[in-house]
Protein backbone atom coordinates (compact mmCIF):
# COMPACT_ATOMS: atom_id res chain seq x y z
CA MET A 1 235.36 52.76 142.50
CA LEU A 2 234.21 51.15 139.27
CA ILE A 3 232.18 53.22 136.82
CA ILE A 4 229.88 51.68 134.24
CA GLU A 5 229.17 53.95 131.30
CA ASN A 6 226.69 53.16 128.56
CA ASN A 7 224.55 55.13 126.16
CA CYS A 8 221.55 52.81 126.43
CA HIS A 9 218.36 54.63 127.40
CA ASP A 10 216.31 51.46 127.86
CA THR A 11 215.14 51.42 131.48
CA ALA A 12 214.66 47.65 131.49
CA TYR A 13 218.27 47.13 130.38
CA ASN A 14 219.70 49.54 132.96
CA PHE A 15 217.69 47.96 135.79
CA SER A 16 219.09 44.63 134.61
CA VAL A 17 222.65 45.95 134.77
CA GLU A 18 221.96 47.11 138.33
CA GLU A 19 220.57 43.75 139.33
CA PHE A 20 223.43 41.85 137.70
CA PHE A 21 226.02 43.75 139.72
CA THR A 22 223.95 43.67 142.90
CA ARG A 23 223.62 39.89 142.60
CA TYR A 24 227.01 38.88 141.24
CA LEU A 25 229.62 41.55 141.95
CA ARG A 26 232.64 39.71 143.34
CA LYS A 27 234.90 42.66 143.97
CA GLU A 28 234.53 44.59 147.22
CA ILE A 29 234.55 47.87 145.29
CA PRO A 30 231.61 50.30 144.90
CA VAL A 31 230.08 50.65 141.43
CA LEU A 32 228.68 53.90 140.00
CA MET A 33 226.27 54.26 137.10
CA ILE A 34 224.97 57.58 135.76
CA TRP A 35 222.36 57.06 133.08
CA GLN A 36 219.29 58.36 131.27
CA THR A 37 216.05 56.87 130.03
CA ASP A 38 213.45 57.26 127.36
CA LYS A 39 210.03 58.29 128.71
CA THR A 40 209.29 55.92 131.58
CA VAL A 41 207.17 55.58 134.69
CA MET A 42 209.17 53.61 137.25
CA LEU A 43 206.96 51.83 139.75
CA GLY A 44 208.03 50.84 143.23
CA ASN A 45 208.24 47.10 143.82
CA ASN A 46 204.93 46.81 145.67
CA GLN A 47 202.82 49.43 143.93
CA VAL A 48 199.53 48.81 142.12
CA VAL A 49 199.79 50.05 138.52
CA ASN A 50 196.26 51.43 138.22
CA ASP A 51 196.63 53.38 141.46
CA GLU A 52 199.80 55.14 140.30
CA VAL A 53 199.68 55.66 136.53
CA ASP A 54 197.24 57.05 133.97
CA ILE A 55 197.74 54.03 131.72
CA ASN A 56 195.84 55.46 128.74
CA LEU A 57 197.96 58.60 128.77
CA ALA A 58 201.13 56.55 129.16
CA ASN A 59 200.23 54.41 126.16
CA ASN A 60 199.28 57.39 124.01
CA ALA A 61 202.43 59.32 124.95
CA GLY A 62 204.77 56.37 124.40
CA ILE A 63 205.69 56.14 128.08
CA LYS A 64 206.95 52.76 129.23
CA ILE A 65 205.88 51.39 132.61
CA ILE A 66 208.70 49.49 134.32
CA ARG A 67 208.67 48.10 137.86
CA ARG A 68 211.92 48.38 139.79
CA SER A 69 213.17 46.03 142.50
CA SER A 70 213.32 48.73 145.17
CA GLY A 71 210.38 50.10 147.11
CA GLY A 72 209.13 53.67 147.23
CA GLY A 73 206.82 55.67 145.01
CA ALA A 74 206.28 55.93 141.27
CA ILE A 75 208.40 58.44 139.37
CA TYR A 76 208.48 59.73 135.81
CA THR A 77 211.78 59.98 133.93
CA ASP A 78 212.80 61.07 130.45
CA MET A 79 215.90 62.29 128.64
CA GLY A 80 215.88 65.41 130.82
CA THR A 81 216.26 63.25 133.93
CA VAL A 82 219.59 61.96 135.23
CA LEU A 83 219.62 58.65 137.09
CA TYR A 84 222.33 57.60 139.52
CA THR A 85 223.07 54.15 140.91
CA VAL A 86 225.58 53.13 143.57
CA ILE A 87 226.14 49.43 144.23
CA GLN A 88 228.21 48.63 147.33
CA PRO A 89 229.22 45.70 149.49
CA LEU A 90 226.64 45.46 152.28
CA LEU A 91 228.90 46.32 155.21
CA SER A 92 226.40 47.99 157.53
CA GLU A 93 222.69 48.76 157.84
CA ALA A 94 220.94 49.73 154.60
CA LYS A 95 220.09 53.11 156.12
CA THR A 96 223.79 53.90 156.55
CA HIS A 97 224.50 53.23 152.88
CA LYS A 98 221.54 55.42 151.88
CA GLU A 99 222.77 58.26 154.06
CA GLU A 100 226.22 58.06 152.46
CA VAL A 101 224.85 58.18 148.91
CA ALA A 102 222.43 61.01 149.71
CA ALA A 103 225.20 63.04 151.35
CA SER A 104 227.46 62.55 148.30
CA ILE A 105 224.75 63.68 145.86
CA ILE A 106 223.85 66.73 147.97
CA ALA A 107 227.51 67.69 148.39
CA ALA A 108 228.07 67.43 144.63
CA LEU A 109 225.03 69.62 143.91
CA ASN A 110 226.08 72.15 146.54
CA LYS A 111 229.53 72.41 144.91
CA MET A 112 227.76 73.36 141.68
CA GLY A 113 225.97 76.15 143.52
CA ILE A 114 222.63 74.31 143.77
CA PRO A 115 221.08 74.82 147.24
CA ALA A 116 220.04 71.17 147.65
CA VAL A 117 218.93 69.89 151.06
CA ARG A 118 217.66 66.59 152.42
CA GLU A 119 214.03 66.16 153.47
CA GLY A 120 212.53 63.10 155.11
CA ARG A 121 213.83 59.65 154.34
CA ASN A 122 214.15 59.71 150.57
CA ASP A 123 213.92 63.21 149.08
CA ILE A 124 216.28 66.00 148.07
CA LEU A 125 214.79 69.49 147.69
CA VAL A 126 215.75 72.85 146.22
CA ASN A 127 213.77 75.83 147.49
CA ASN A 128 211.23 73.47 149.09
CA ARG A 129 210.60 71.60 145.83
CA LYS A 130 211.67 68.05 145.09
CA ILE A 131 214.47 67.44 142.61
CA SER A 132 215.46 63.91 143.65
CA GLY A 133 214.20 60.78 145.33
CA PHE A 134 216.06 57.57 146.04
CA ALA A 135 215.39 53.96 147.01
CA GLN A 136 217.26 50.74 147.78
CA TYR A 137 217.26 46.99 147.57
CA THR A 138 219.69 44.27 148.59
CA SER A 139 220.69 40.96 147.10
CA GLY A 140 223.18 38.68 148.79
CA LYS A 141 226.18 40.64 149.97
CA HIS A 142 225.51 43.86 148.06
CA ILE A 143 223.11 46.79 148.20
CA CYS A 144 221.83 48.96 145.35
CA THR A 145 220.96 52.58 146.10
CA HIS A 146 219.51 54.46 143.14
CA GLY A 147 217.73 57.72 142.47
CA SER A 148 216.73 60.35 139.95
CA LEU A 149 217.62 64.00 139.41
CA LEU A 150 215.11 66.26 137.67
CA PHE A 151 217.39 68.33 135.45
CA ASP A 152 215.19 69.30 132.50
CA THR A 153 212.36 66.80 132.89
CA ASP A 154 208.96 67.40 131.27
CA LEU A 155 207.22 68.33 134.52
CA GLU A 156 203.83 68.81 132.88
CA LEU A 157 203.86 65.26 131.55
CA LEU A 158 205.16 64.03 134.91
CA SER A 159 202.21 65.70 136.63
CA ASP A 160 199.69 64.34 134.14
CA VAL A 161 200.79 60.70 133.99
CA LEU A 162 201.29 60.12 137.73
CA ILE A 163 198.13 59.76 139.81
CA VAL A 164 198.02 62.05 142.86
CA ASN A 165 197.72 60.56 146.32
CA GLU A 166 195.72 63.39 147.87
CA GLU A 167 196.11 62.07 151.41
CA LYS A 168 199.89 62.50 151.15
CA LEU A 169 199.96 65.85 149.33
CA PHE A 170 197.18 67.93 150.81
CA PRO A 171 198.11 67.69 154.53
CA LYS A 172 201.42 69.33 153.56
CA GLY A 173 199.66 72.20 151.81
CA ILE A 174 200.64 70.88 148.38
CA THR A 175 197.86 71.13 145.81
CA SER A 176 199.42 69.19 142.91
CA ILE A 177 202.43 67.11 141.91
CA ARG A 178 203.52 69.98 139.64
CA SER A 179 203.75 72.39 142.57
CA ARG A 180 205.83 69.85 144.49
CA VAL A 181 208.69 69.41 141.95
CA THR A 182 211.20 71.55 140.08
CA ASN A 183 214.09 71.18 137.65
CA ILE A 184 217.77 71.78 138.37
CA LYS A 185 218.53 73.42 135.02
CA PRO A 186 217.42 76.97 135.96
CA PHE A 187 220.03 76.96 138.73
CA LEU A 188 222.83 76.26 136.24
CA GLY A 189 222.19 78.85 133.55
CA GLY A 190 222.67 77.50 130.05
CA CYS A 191 224.08 74.14 131.10
CA SER A 192 222.93 71.21 128.94
CA VAL A 193 221.98 67.83 130.37
CA ASN A 194 225.18 66.28 129.01
CA GLU A 195 227.25 69.04 130.58
CA PHE A 196 225.45 68.45 133.86
CA ILE A 197 226.13 64.71 133.70
CA ASN A 198 229.85 65.35 133.17
CA LEU A 199 229.91 67.90 135.97
CA LEU A 200 228.09 65.53 138.33
CA LYS A 201 230.36 62.63 137.43
CA ASN A 202 233.55 64.64 137.87
CA THR A 203 232.37 66.04 141.19
CA LEU A 204 231.32 62.66 142.59
CA LEU A 205 234.54 60.97 141.48
CA SER A 206 236.95 63.73 142.48
CA GLY A 207 239.77 62.33 144.61
CA ARG A 208 238.73 58.70 144.10
CA ASP A 209 240.62 55.87 142.48
CA VAL A 210 238.34 55.16 139.51
CA SER A 211 238.36 52.42 136.88
CA ALA A 212 235.98 52.04 133.95
CA TYR A 213 234.31 48.62 133.86
CA VAL A 214 233.70 47.06 130.45
CA LEU A 215 231.07 44.33 130.34
CA SER A 216 232.11 41.04 128.77
CA ASP A 217 229.96 39.19 126.23
CA ASP A 218 229.02 36.63 128.88
CA GLU A 219 228.00 39.39 131.28
CA GLN A 220 225.91 41.04 128.55
CA ASP A 221 224.18 37.72 127.93
CA GLU A 222 223.33 37.37 131.63
CA ILE A 223 222.08 40.97 131.76
CA ASN A 224 219.85 40.40 128.74
CA LYS A 225 218.52 37.24 130.39
CA ILE A 226 217.56 39.23 133.49
CA LYS A 227 215.96 41.86 131.27
CA ASN A 228 213.87 39.39 129.26
CA GLU A 229 212.77 37.41 132.29
CA LYS A 230 211.98 40.40 134.49
CA TYR A 231 212.16 44.08 133.55
CA ALA A 232 210.95 43.68 129.95
CA ASN A 233 208.25 41.22 131.03
CA ASP A 234 204.70 42.43 131.68
CA GLU A 235 204.22 39.66 134.24
CA TRP A 236 206.70 41.59 136.40
CA ASN A 237 205.87 45.14 135.40
CA LEU A 238 202.08 44.92 135.50
CA ARG A 239 201.66 42.21 138.13
CA MET A 240 199.59 44.44 140.44
């Protein structure tokens, strides 16, 4: 497995790294990224901005709105959120790859003593509250599966900036986004987010043959091109 490590918290840049490897990866080796972001609302590919985000609040709070290439719902991330990305050769149905990634994340959390379980197609819960969601997209011969982990996320801001879809929440007996989600941190005592990232990384990579991948200048140029043309471009992010 290749691991890409960077300290960039720019969502547009990290989505561009994902897309670069999903498009152009020549090696038949899985790639892992574990990363963080500044305050961001990540929209699903086909979502309408005004239906999902309180845009005035986002602007006033300095929250970026970035559209990802995968489907699924809008999420809020910040420096208390840990993002994970797995890019693999597309060797079977997309669902199979998603199941593998979800199982790996849940197993890693369980080893830390976190009682994480799968619910539905795309969610991971602890004590009936969501801590993670994941999504996918494909390009050529590779598939990108990515998701978020609420470690010490600002859940009040998450609840305020995302617009509630009452039809989805209320039939399940859920009265607000805030009552639907929780953070991982309380389950790990005094663990910091950086300590959690290291613990997650070590657990996921245990027993694997791992190599760090260093991006070349040419690769960085191509990634920045993707970023400028797509993820840092309002024509993409605010197109609906």
